[in-house]
Structure formats: structure tokens, C-alpha cells
């Protein structure tokens, strides 16, 4: 799986901000299919003593069609949001 040209830059920025990279890539399962977001990360909030978790999808929008890039990114966002909300819902 190819990584975006900004993958390492984003990963380094998250680490410098106190995030722990938990998965690279983040594996998301929906039915029998497996999808991959670029990164999974968590951060401990000292004040609340609760962990935050995020999924990160990195996009550079370098193709000849920025609209196509936007459509693809938006589609991934919608799919990943639904999978993650299904995963954490009671």
C-alpha cells in the first residue's frame, strides 16, 4: 500500500504533539472487507485521565483533477466515519 508523500510529516507532527501512533496503517473492518486509514493514534489527557483516539487519513491532492481528489477524500471520510461510529456505538 502506497503512502502519501506527507505521511511521515504528519506522523512526526502527531508524535511531537504528544500522540502515540497505535497503528500504521489503521485497519478498519466492515463485514468481510478490510479498509485502511493511514494512521491510528491515541493521546492521554492528563486533566481528564481519559484517552482520546483518532484515525488520520493523509491526502496531498496532487492529481491533475483536484475535484476527483476531493471526491475520493470525502468518500473515504464518510465511509470511515460510519465504520468508526458503528464500532464505538453501544
PDB file of N, CA and C in Angstrom:
ATOM      1  N   UNK A   1       0.841  -1.171   0.000  1.00  0.00           N
ATOM      2  CA  UNK A   1       0.000   0.000   0.000  1.00  0.00           C
ATOM      3  C   UNK A   1       0.892   1.242   0.000  1.00  0.00           C
ATOM      4  N   UNK A   2       0.671   2.110  -0.970  1.00  0.00           N
ATOM      5  CA  UNK A   2       1.487   3.320  -1.092  1.00  0.00           C
ATOM      6  C   UNK A   2       1.081   4.353  -0.051  1.00  0.00           C
ATOM      7  N   UNK A   3       2.062   5.033   0.502  1.00  0.00           N
ATOM      8  CA  UNK A   3       1.804   6.075   1.486  1.00  0.00           C
ATOM      9  C   UNK A   3       1.881   7.432   0.804  1.00  0.00           C
ATOM     10  N   UNK A   4       1.050   8.358   1.263  1.00  0.00           N
ATOM     11  CA  UNK A   4       1.039   9.711   0.748  1.00  0.00           C
ATOM     12  C   UNK A   4       2.403  10.371   1.003  1.00  0.00           C
ATOM     13  N   UNK A   5       2.759  11.321   0.159  1.00  0.00           N
ATOM     14  CA  UNK A   5       4.068  11.978   0.309  1.00  0.00           C
ATOM     15  C   UNK A   5       4.202  12.725   1.634  1.00  0.00           C
ATOM     16  N   UNK A   6       3.081  13.079   2.261  1.00  0.00           N
ATOM     17  CA  UNK A   6       3.119  13.799   3.536  1.00  0.00           C
ATOM     18  C   UNK A   6       2.974  12.875   4.744  1.00  0.00           C
ATOM     19  N   UNK A   7       2.942  11.572   4.530  1.00  0.00           N
ATOM     20  CA  UNK A   7       2.708  10.606   5.601  1.00  0.00           C
ATOM     21  C   UNK A   7       3.667  10.803   6.776  1.00  0.00           C
ATOM     22  N   UNK A   8       4.951  10.810   6.510  1.00  0.00           N
ATOM     23  CA  UNK A   8       5.933  10.916   7.590  1.00  0.00           C
ATOM     24  C   UNK A   8       5.875  12.272   8.288  1.00  0.00           C
ATOM     25  N   UNK A   9       5.597  13.329   7.544  1.00  0.00           N
ATOM     26  CA  UNK A   9       5.499  14.671   8.126  1.00  0.00           C
ATOM     27  C   UNK A   9       4.337  14.732   9.117  1.00  0.00           C
ATOM     28  N   UNK A  10       3.191  14.184   8.718  1.00  0.00           N
ATOM     29  CA  UNK A  10       2.019  14.174   9.595  1.00  0.00           C
ATOM     30  C   UNK A  10       2.286  13.304  10.819  1.00  0.00           C
ATOM     31  N   UNK A  11       2.881  12.147  10.604  1.00  0.00           N
ATOM     32  CA  UNK A  11       3.197  11.234  11.709  1.00  0.00           C
ATOM     33  C   UNK A  11       4.134  11.916  12.715  1.00  0.00           C
ATOM     34  N   UNK A  12       5.159  12.574  12.227  1.00  0.00           N
ATOM     35  CA  UNK A  12       6.104  13.283  13.099  1.00  0.00           C
ATOM     36  C   UNK A  12       5.406  14.403  13.866  1.00  0.00           C
ATOM     37  N   UNK A  13       4.517  15.141  13.206  1.00  0.00           N
ATOM     38  CA  UNK A  13       3.786  16.224  13.869  1.00  0.00           C
ATOM     39  C   UNK A  13       2.897  15.677  14.991  1.00  0.00           C
ATOM     40  N   UNK A  14       2.235  14.552  14.747  1.00  0.00           N
ATOM     41  CA  UNK A  14       1.409  13.939  15.788  1.00  0.00           C
ATOM     42  C   UNK A  14       2.255  13.514  16.984  1.00  0.00           C
ATOM     43  N   UNK A  15       3.391  12.888  16.707  1.00  0.00           N
ATOM     44  CA  UNK A  15       4.284  12.462  17.788  1.00  0.00           C
ATOM     45  C   UNK A  15       4.775  13.658  18.609  1.00  0.00           C
ATOM     46  N   UNK A  16       5.147  14.742  17.934  1.00  0.00           N
ATOM     47  CA  UNK A  16       5.627  15.944  18.632  1.00  0.00           C
ATOM     48  C   UNK A  16       4.523  16.585  19.475  1.00  0.00           C
ATOM     49  N   UNK A  17       3.268  16.369  19.075  1.00  0.00           N
ATOM     50  CA  UNK A  17       2.129  16.928  19.812  1.00  0.00           C
ATOM     51  C   UNK A  17       1.685  16.020  20.966  1.00  0.00           C
ATOM     52  N   UNK A  18       2.402  14.919  21.165  1.00  0.00           N
ATOM     53  CA  UNK A  18       2.095  14.052  22.296  1.00  0.00           C
ATOM     54  C   UNK A  18       1.235  12.845  21.981  1.00  0.00           C
ATOM     55  N   UNK A  19       0.927  12.619  20.713  1.00  0.00           N
ATOM     56  CA  UNK A  19       0.141  11.457  20.324  1.00  0.00           C
ATOM     57  C   UNK A  19       1.037  10.227  20.244  1.00  0.00           C
ATOM     58  N   UNK A  20       0.472   9.078  20.514  1.00  0.00           N
ATOM     59  CA  UNK A  20       1.145   7.803  20.331  1.00  0.00           C
ATOM     60  C   UNK A  20       0.527   7.147  19.108  1.00  0.00           C
ATOM     61  N   UNK A  21       1.346   6.787  18.137  1.00  0.00           N
ATOM     62  CA  UNK A  21       0.842   6.108  16.945  1.00  0.00           C
ATOM     63  C   UNK A  21       0.570   4.657  17.334  1.00  0.00           C
ATOM     64  N   UNK A  22      -0.687   4.249  17.224  1.00  0.00           N
ATOM     65  CA  UNK A  22      -1.070   2.893  17.619  1.00  0.00           C
ATOM     66  C   UNK A  22      -1.105   1.933  16.441  1.00  0.00           C
ATOM     67  N   UNK A  23      -1.395   2.468  15.264  1.00  0.00           N
ATOM     68  CA  UNK A  23      -1.447   1.626  14.072  1.00  0.00           C
ATOM     69  C   UNK A  23      -1.010   2.431  12.856  1.00  0.00           C
ATOM     70  N   UNK A  24      -0.198   1.814  12.013  1.00  0.00           N
ATOM     71  CA  UNK A  24       0.300   2.457  10.794  1.00  0.00           C
ATOM     72  C   UNK A  24       0.427   1.397   9.712  1.00  0.00           C
ATOM     73  N   UNK A  25      -0.656   1.148   8.993  1.00  0.00           N
ATOM     74  CA  UNK A  25      -1.941   1.828   8.879  1.00  0.00           C
ATOM     75  C   UNK A  25      -2.966   1.314   9.901  1.00  0.00           C
ATOM     76  N   UNK A  26      -4.058   2.081  10.048  1.00  0.00           N
ATOM     77  CA  UNK A  26      -5.167   1.703  10.913  1.00  0.00           C
ATOM     78  C   UNK A  26      -6.097   0.783  10.136  1.00  0.00           C
ATOM     79  N   UNK A  27      -6.300  -0.411  10.646  1.00  0.00           N
ATOM     80  CA  UNK A  27      -7.138  -1.428   9.983  1.00  0.00           C
ATOM     81  C   UNK A  27      -8.576  -1.255  10.443  1.00  0.00           C
ATOM     82  N   UNK A  28      -9.498  -1.088   9.476  1.00  0.00           N
ATOM     83  CA  UNK A  28     -10.924  -0.959   9.752  1.00  0.00           C
ATOM     84  C   UNK A  28     -11.654  -2.107   9.071  1.00  0.00           C
ATOM     85  N   UNK A  29     -12.431  -2.844   9.826  1.00  0.00           N
ATOM     86  CA  UNK A  29     -13.132  -3.997   9.255  1.00  0.00           C
ATOM     87  C   UNK A  29     -14.609  -3.670   9.121  1.00  0.00           C
ATOM     88  N   UNK A  30     -15.149  -3.931   7.935  1.00  0.00           N
ATOM     89  CA  UNK A  30     -16.574  -3.770   7.688  1.00  0.00           C
ATOM     90  C   UNK A  30     -17.043  -5.031   6.963  1.00  0.00           C
ATOM     91  N   UNK A  31     -17.842  -5.819   7.646  1.00  0.00           N
ATOM     92  CA  UNK A  31     -18.241  -7.105   7.093  1.00  0.00           C
ATOM     93  C   UNK A  31     -17.018  -7.982   6.891  1.00  0.00           C
ATOM     94  N   UNK A  32     -16.870  -8.488   5.692  1.00  0.00           N
ATOM     95  CA  UNK A  32     -15.690  -9.309   5.379  1.00  0.00           C
ATOM     96  C   UNK A  32     -14.577  -8.502   4.736  1.00  0.00           C
ATOM     97  N   UNK A  33     -14.796  -7.232   4.586  1.00  0.00           N
ATOM     98  CA  UNK A  33     -13.805  -6.369   3.929  1.00  0.00           C
ATOM     99  C   UNK A  33     -12.947  -5.640   4.956  1.00  0.00           C
ATOM    100  N   UNK A  34     -11.722  -5.348   4.544  1.00  0.00           N
ATOM    101  CA  UNK A  34     -10.776  -4.598   5.371  1.00  0.00           C
ATOM    102  C   UNK A  34     -10.415  -3.314   4.623  1.00  0.00           C
ATOM    103  N   UNK A  35     -10.548  -2.183   5.308  1.00  0.00           N
ATOM    104  CA  UNK A  35     -10.128  -0.887   4.783  1.00  0.00           C
ATOM    105  C   UNK A  35      -8.990  -0.381   5.661  1.00  0.00           C
ATOM    106  N   UNK A  36      -8.189   0.508   5.119  1.00  0.00           N
ATOM    107  CA  UNK A  36      -7.048   1.018   5.862  1.00  0.00           C
ATOM    108  C   UNK A  36      -7.022   2.538   5.829  1.00  0.00           C
ATOM    109  N   UNK A  37      -7.104   3.163   7.004  1.00  0.00           N
ATOM    110  CA  UNK A  37      -6.827   4.599   7.132  1.00  0.00           C
ATOM    111  C   UNK A  37      -5.318   4.707   7.353  1.00  0.00           C
ATOM    112  N   UNK A  38      -4.752   5.854   7.100  1.00  0.00           N
ATOM    113  CA  UNK A  38      -3.301   5.982   7.161  1.00  0.00           C
ATOM    114  C   UNK A  38      -2.726   5.754   8.560  1.00  0.00           C
ATOM    115  N   UNK A  39      -3.348   6.339   9.585  1.00  0.00           N
ATOM    116  CA  UNK A  39      -2.790   6.223  10.934  1.00  0.00           C
ATOM    117  C   UNK A  39      -3.894   6.086  11.969  1.00  0.00           C
ATOM    118  N   UNK A  40      -3.591   5.392  13.037  1.00  0.00           N
ATOM    119  CA  UNK A  40      -4.410   5.397  14.240  1.00  0.00           C
ATOM    120  C   UNK A  40      -3.529   5.949  15.343  1.00  0.00           C
ATOM    121  N   UNK A  41      -4.086   6.782  16.212  1.00  0.00           N
ATOM    122  CA  UNK A  41      -3.282   7.382  17.277  1.00  0.00           C
ATOM    123  C   UNK A  41      -4.123   7.560  18.529  1.00  0.00           C
ATOM    124  N   UNK A  42      -3.440   7.656  19.657  1.00  0.00           N
ATOM    125  CA  UNK A  42      -4.133   7.932  20.914  1.00  0.00           C
ATOM    126  C   UNK A  42      -3.314   8.926  21.712  1.00  0.00           C
ATOM    127  N   UNK A  43      -4.015   9.633  22.610  1.00  0.00           N
ATOM    128  CA  UNK A  43      -3.356  10.632  23.447  1.00  0.00           C
ATOM    129  C   UNK A  43      -4.010  10.604  24.816  1.00  0.00           C
ATOM    130  N   UNK A  44      -3.210  10.581  25.842  1.00  0.00           N
ATOM    131  CA  UNK A  44      -3.720  10.619  27.204  1.00  0.00           C
ATOM    132  C   UNK A  44      -3.892  12.067  27.620  1.00  0.00           C
ATOM    133  N   UNK A  45      -5.093  12.405  28.048  1.00  0.00           N
ATOM    134  CA  UNK A  45      -5.353  13.758  28.537  1.00  0.00           C
ATOM    135  C   UNK A  45      -5.109  13.777  30.033  1.00  0.00           C
ATOM    136  N   UNK A  46      -4.089  14.473  30.455  1.00  0.00           N
ATOM    137  CA  UNK A  46      -3.686  14.475  31.863  1.00  0.00           C
ATOM    138  C   UNK A  46      -4.790  15.013  32.770  1.00  0.00           C
ATOM    139  N   UNK A  47      -5.492  16.048  32.337  1.00  0.00           N
ATOM    140  CA  UNK A  47      -6.503  16.660  33.187  1.00  0.00           C
ATOM    141  C   UNK A  47      -7.697  15.731  33.412  1.00  0.00           C
ATOM    142  N   UNK A  48      -8.072  14.982  32.393  1.00  0.00           N
ATOM    143  CA  UNK A  48      -9.249  14.140  32.499  1.00  0.00           C
ATOM    144  C   UNK A  48      -8.918  12.675  32.770  1.00  0.00           C
ATOM    145  N   UNK A  49      -7.666  12.301  32.565  1.00  0.00           N
ATOM    146  CA  UNK A  49      -7.241  10.907  32.705  1.00  0.00           C
ATOM    147  C   UNK A  49      -8.031   9.990  31.780  1.00  0.00           C
ATOM    148  N   UNK A  50      -8.414  10.505  30.648  1.00  0.00           N
ATOM    149  CA  UNK A  50      -9.102   9.718  29.628  1.00  0.00           C
ATOM    150  C   UNK A  50      -8.287   9.766  28.343  1.00  0.00           C
ATOM    151  N   UNK A  51      -8.308   8.706  27.616  1.00  0.00           N
ATOM    152  CA  UNK A  51      -7.597   8.684  26.348  1.00  0.00           C
ATOM    153  C   UNK A  51      -8.459   9.170  25.206  1.00  0.00           C
ATOM    154  N   UNK A  52      -7.855   9.852  24.271  1.00  0.00           N
ATOM    155  CA  UNK A  52      -8.511  10.233  23.020  1.00  0.00           C
ATOM    156  C   UNK A  52      -7.933   9.351  21.934  1.00  0.00           C
ATOM    157  N   UNK A  53      -8.763   8.960  20.983  1.00  0.00           N
ATOM    158  CA  UNK A  53      -8.281   8.192  19.846  1.00  0.00           C
ATOM    159  C   UNK A  53      -8.714   8.892  18.565  1.00  0.00           C
ATOM    160  N   UNK A  54      -7.843   8.829  17.566  1.00  0.00           N
ATOM    161  CA  UNK A  54      -8.167   9.424  16.271  1.00  0.00           C
ATOM    162  C   UNK A  54      -7.748   8.488  15.153  1.00  0.00           C
ATOM    163  N   UNK A  55      -8.414   8.638  14.036  1.00  0.00           N
ATOM    164  CA  UNK A  55      -7.995   7.997  12.793  1.00  0.00           C
ATOM    165  C   UNK A  55      -7.563   9.129  11.871  1.00  0.00           C
ATOM    166  N   UNK A  56      -6.455   8.949  11.175  1.00  0.00           N
ATOM    167  CA  UNK A  56      -5.913  10.005  10.324  1.00  0.00           C
ATOM    168  C   UNK A  56      -5.789   9.475   8.902  1.00  0.00           C
ATOM    169  N   UNK A  57      -6.377  10.183   7.964  1.00  0.00           N
ATOM    170  CA  UNK A  57      -6.225   9.881   6.543  1.00  0.00           C
ATOM    171  C   UNK A  57      -5.487  11.063   5.934  1.00  0.00           C
ATOM    172  N   UNK A  58      -4.362  10.813   5.312  1.00  0.00           N
ATOM    173  CA  UNK A  58      -3.493  11.869   4.795  1.00  0.00           C
ATOM    174  C   UNK A  58      -3.676  11.982   3.283  1.00  0.00           C
ATOM    175  N   UNK A  59      -3.931  13.181   2.822  1.00  0.00           N
ATOM    176  CA  UNK A  59      -4.157  13.430   1.399  1.00  0.00           C
ATOM    177  C   UNK A  59      -3.314  14.601   0.924  1.00  0.00           C
ATOM    178  N   UNK A  60      -2.745  14.481  -0.272  1.00  0.00           N
ATOM    179  CA  UNK A  60      -1.918  15.555  -0.818  1.00  0.00           C
ATOM    180  C   UNK A  60      -2.615  16.335  -1.938  1.00  0.00           C
ATOM    181  N   UNK A  61      -3.648  15.785  -2.570  1.00  0.00           N
ATOM    182  CA  UNK A  61      -4.373  16.457  -3.651  1.00  0.00           C
ATOM    183  C   UNK A  61      -3.437  16.891  -4.775  1.00  0.00           C
ATOM    184  N   UNK A  62      -2.634  15.957  -5.270  1.00  0.00           N
ATOM    185  CA  UNK A  62      -1.654  16.263  -6.307  1.00  0.00           C
ATOM    186  C   UNK A  62      -2.033  15.772  -7.704  1.00  0.00           C
ATOM    187  N   UNK A  63      -3.169  15.117  -7.844  1.00  0.00           N
ATOM    188  CA  UNK A  63      -3.535  14.602  -9.166  1.00  0.00           C
ATOM    189  C   UNK A  63      -3.953  15.760 -10.075  1.00  0.00           C
ATOM    190  N   UNK A  64      -4.052  15.506 -11.369  1.00  0.00           N
ATOM    191  CA  UNK A  64      -4.467  16.561 -12.301  1.00  0.00           C
ATOM    192  C   UNK A  64      -5.869  17.102 -12.011  1.00  0.00           C
ATOM    193  N   UNK A  65      -6.695  16.322 -11.301  1.00  0.00           N
ATOM    194  CA  UNK A  65      -8.055  16.759 -11.002  1.00  0.00           C
ATOM    195  C   UNK A  65      -8.255  16.928  -9.499  1.00  0.00           C
ATOM    196  N   UNK A  66      -8.177  18.170  -8.985  1.00  0.00           N
ATOM    197  CA  UNK A  66      -8.401  18.370  -7.554  1.00  0.00           C
ATOM    198  C   UNK A  66      -9.828  17.997  -7.130  1.00  0.00           C
ATOM    199  N   UNK A  67     -10.783  18.105  -8.044  1.00  0.00           N
ATOM    200  CA  UNK A  67     -12.163  17.712  -7.721  1.00  0.00           C
ATOM    201  C   UNK A  67     -12.239  16.205  -7.514  1.00  0.00           C
ATOM    202  N   UNK A  68     -11.554  15.432  -8.343  1.00  0.00           N
ATOM    203  CA  UNK A  68     -11.514  13.983  -8.166  1.00  0.00           C
ATOM    204  C   UNK A  68     -10.864  13.628  -6.829  1.00  0.00           C
ATOM    205  N   UNK A  69      -9.776  14.316  -6.494  1.00  0.00           N
ATOM    206  CA  UNK A  69      -9.123  14.097  -5.200  1.00  0.00           C
ATOM    207  C   UNK A  69     -10.084  14.394  -4.051  1.00  0.00           C
ATOM    208  N   UNK A  70     -10.833  15.498  -4.164  1.00  0.00           N
ATOM    209  CA  UNK A  70     -11.788  15.875  -3.128  1.00  0.00           C
ATOM    210  C   UNK A  70     -12.898  14.832  -3.006  1.00  0.00           C
ATOM    211  N   UNK A  71     -13.422  14.367  -4.147  1.00  0.00           N
ATOM    212  CA  UNK A  71     -14.459  13.340  -4.121  1.00  0.00           C
ATOM    213  C   UNK A  71     -13.962  12.071  -3.435  1.00  0.00           C
ATOM    214  N   UNK A  72     -12.756  11.670  -3.733  1.00  0.00           N
ATOM    215  CA  UNK A  72     -12.187  10.466  -3.127  1.00  0.00           C
ATOM    216  C   UNK A  72     -11.986  10.663  -1.621  1.00  0.00           C
ATOM    217  N   UNK A  73     -11.453  11.803  -1.232  1.00  0.00           N
ATOM    218  CA  UNK A  73     -11.220  12.082   0.186  1.00  0.00           C
ATOM    219  C   UNK A  73     -12.540  12.154   0.960  1.00  0.00           C
ATOM    220  N   UNK A  74     -13.525  12.805   0.377  1.00  0.00           N
ATOM    221  CA  UNK A  74     -14.829  12.917   1.030  1.00  0.00           C
ATOM    222  C   UNK A  74     -15.489  11.546   1.167  1.00  0.00           C
ATOM    223  N   UNK A  75     -15.378  10.741   0.125  1.00  0.00           N
ATOM    224  CA  UNK A  75     -15.916   9.379   0.189  1.00  0.00           C
ATOM    225  C   UNK A  75     -15.259   8.568   1.294  1.00  0.00           C
ATOM    226  N   UNK A  76     -13.942   8.656   1.398  1.00  0.00           N
ATOM    227  CA  UNK A  76     -13.233   7.945   2.467  1.00  0.00           C
ATOM    228  C   UNK A  76     -13.676   8.454   3.829  1.00  0.00           C
ATOM    229  N   UNK A  77     -13.810   9.760   3.969  1.00  0.00           N
ATOM    230  CA  UNK A  77     -14.244  10.339   5.239  1.00  0.00           C
ATOM    231  C   UNK A  77     -15.613   9.792   5.649  1.00  0.00           C
ATOM    232  N   UNK A  78     -16.547   9.780   4.719  1.00  0.00           N
ATOM    233  CA  UNK A  78     -17.902   9.296   5.019  1.00  0.00           C
ATOM    234  C   UNK A  78     -17.874   7.820   5.414  1.00  0.00           C
ATOM    235  N   UNK A  79     -17.154   7.018   4.658  1.00  0.00           N
ATOM    236  CA  UNK A  79     -17.071   5.584   4.960  1.00  0.00           C
ATOM    237  C   UNK A  79     -16.403   5.345   6.307  1.00  0.00           C
ATOM    238  N   UNK A  80     -15.257   5.972   6.540  1.00  0.00           N
ATOM    239  CA  UNK A  80     -14.528   5.763   7.792  1.00  0.00           C
ATOM    240  C   UNK A  80     -15.334   6.250   8.993  1.00  0.00           C
ATOM    241  N   UNK A  81     -16.013   7.390   8.841  1.00  0.00           N
ATOM    242  CA  UNK A  81     -16.842   7.913   9.932  1.00  0.00           C
ATOM    243  C   UNK A  81     -17.931   6.915  10.307  1.00  0.00           C
ATOM    244  N   UNK A  82     -18.566   6.330   9.316  1.00  0.00           N
ATOM    245  CA  UNK A  82     -19.637   5.364   9.575  1.00  0.00           C
ATOM    246  C   UNK A  82     -19.079   4.117  10.260  1.00  0.00           C
ATOM    247  N   UNK A  83     -17.970   3.613   9.753  1.00  0.00           N
ATOM    248  CA  UNK A  83     -17.357   2.406  10.361  1.00  0.00           C
ATOM    249  C   UNK A  83     -16.964   2.687  11.812  1.00  0.00           C
ATOM    250  N   UNK A  84     -16.321   3.814  12.053  1.00  0.00           N
ATOM    251  CA  UNK A  84     -15.885   4.145  13.407  1.00  0.00           C
ATOM    252  C   UNK A  84     -17.067   4.384  14.338  1.00  0.00           C
ATOM    253  N   UNK A  85     -18.128   5.029  13.865  1.00  0.00           N
ATOM    254  CA  UNK A  85     -19.286   5.248  14.730  1.00  0.00           C
ATOM    255  C   UNK A  85     -19.998   3.930  15.027  1.00  0.00           C
ATOM    256  N   UNK A  86     -20.025   3.003  14.077  1.00  0.00           N
ATOM    257  CA  UNK A  86     -20.598   1.682  14.329  1.00  0.00           C
ATOM    258  C   UNK A  86     -19.768   0.908  15.336  1.00  0.00           C
ATOM    259  N   UNK A  87     -18.451   1.121  15.285  1.00  0.00           N
ATOM    260  CA  UNK A  87     -17.527   0.396  16.167  1.00  0.00           C
ATOM    261  C   UNK A  87     -17.661   0.860  17.616  1.00  0.00           C
ATOM    262  N   UNK A  88     -17.857   2.160  17.840  1.00  0.00           N
ATOM    263  CA  UNK A  88     -17.892   2.686  19.220  1.00  0.00           C
ATOM    264  C   UNK A  88     -19.290   2.852  19.763  1.00  0.00           C
ATOM    265  N   UNK A  89     -20.327   2.649  18.951  1.00  0.00           N
ATOM    266  CA  UNK A  89     -21.701   2.777  19.442  1.00  0.00           C
ATOM    267  C   UNK A  89     -22.059   1.566  20.295  1.00  0.00           C
ATOM    268  N   UNK A  90     -22.913   1.796  21.328  1.00  0.00           N
ATOM    269  CA  UNK A  90     -23.293   0.675  22.193  1.00  0.00           C
ATOM    270  C   UNK A  90     -24.131  -0.361  21.489  1.00  0.00           C
TER     271      UNK A  90
END
